[in-house]
Protein backbone atom coordinates (compact mmCIF):
# COMPACT_ATOMS: atom_id res chain seq x y z
CA MET A 1 174.35 74.96 153.82
CA LYS A 2 175.76 77.23 151.12
CA LYS A 3 172.76 79.49 151.58
CA VAL A 4 173.58 80.06 155.26
CA ILE A 5 177.23 80.82 154.53
CA LEU A 6 176.25 83.27 151.81
CA SER A 7 173.81 85.03 154.15
CA ALA A 8 176.52 85.39 156.79
CA LEU A 9 178.87 86.92 154.25
CA LEU A 10 176.23 89.37 153.08
CA VAL A 11 175.62 90.52 156.62
CA VAL A 12 179.32 91.19 157.16
CA ILE A 13 179.58 93.12 153.91
CA PHE A 14 176.46 95.12 154.77
CA LEU A 15 177.77 96.03 158.22
CA ILE A 16 181.04 97.27 156.75
CA ALA A 17 179.20 99.44 154.23
CA CYS A 18 176.95 100.91 156.92
CA ASP A 19 179.96 101.83 159.02
CA LYS A 20 181.40 103.83 156.12
CA ILE A 21 178.09 105.58 155.44
CA SER A 22 177.70 106.63 159.07
CA LYS A 23 180.85 108.73 158.79
CA ALA A 24 179.29 110.94 156.10
CA GLN A 25 178.36 114.55 156.70
CA PHE A 26 175.45 116.33 155.08
CA PHE A 27 175.52 119.95 153.99
CA VAL A 28 173.05 122.54 152.73
CA ASP A 29 173.61 124.55 149.55
CA SER A 30 172.37 127.89 150.87
CA SER A 31 171.90 129.26 147.36
CA ALA A 32 169.47 126.43 146.60
CA CYS A 33 167.66 126.44 149.97
CA ASN A 34 164.27 128.18 149.74
CA SER A 35 163.72 128.18 153.53
CA CYS A 36 160.64 125.94 153.33
CA GLY A 37 161.58 124.19 156.60
CA ILE A 38 160.53 120.71 155.51
CA CYS A 39 163.97 119.35 156.41
CA ILE A 40 163.65 120.82 159.91
CA SER A 41 160.27 119.20 160.44
CA VAL A 42 161.42 115.69 159.45
CA CYS A 43 164.80 115.61 161.21
CA PRO A 44 164.49 113.05 164.05
CA ALA A 45 167.68 114.35 165.70
CA ASP A 46 166.60 118.00 165.73
CA ALA A 47 169.90 118.76 163.97
CA ILE A 48 168.64 121.30 161.41
CA GLU A 49 167.75 124.92 162.06
CA PHE A 50 167.68 128.22 160.21
CA ASP A 51 170.72 130.50 160.32
CA GLU A 52 170.63 134.30 160.48
CA ASN A 53 169.88 134.41 156.72
CA ASN A 54 166.90 132.07 157.15
CA LYS A 55 168.72 129.21 155.41
CA ALA A 56 168.87 125.68 156.78
CA ILE A 57 172.07 124.58 158.49
CA ILE A 58 172.92 121.15 159.86
CA ASP A 59 174.52 120.70 163.27
CA GLN A 60 176.99 117.90 162.53
CA THR A 61 177.27 117.02 166.22
CA LYS A 62 173.55 116.16 166.35
CA CYS A 63 173.11 114.73 162.84
CA THR A 64 172.69 110.94 162.73
CA GLN A 65 173.07 110.76 158.92
CA CYS A 66 169.64 109.18 158.50
CA GLY A 67 169.15 110.98 155.17
CA GLU A 68 165.52 112.01 155.76
CA CYS A 69 166.36 115.64 154.98
CA ILE A 70 167.87 114.72 151.62
CA LEU A 71 164.78 112.72 150.68
CA VAL A 72 162.29 115.50 151.44
CA CYS A 73 164.12 118.61 150.22
CA PRO A 74 162.16 119.90 147.20
CA GLN A 75 165.15 121.97 146.05
CA ASP A 76 167.77 119.20 146.35
CA ALA A 77 169.71 121.65 148.48
CA ILE A 78 171.01 119.04 150.91
CA TYR A 79 173.85 116.74 149.92
């Protein structure tokens, strides 16, 4: 019985943490971006594109904060 109660508490804690994470915004350090386009190719929301300087930018209205772009950026330009 204790195991079930503990599991229920962990789920509640996890859901609260996820809610806070989903409010995050990701940004691109244009001085670190090398315009490789990997982030654009992995973004499931199609939220990343190149600006007029050929640097990646993130459309915050489309971004779902999945974090795929951060994981694949070879320059660590997305935070």
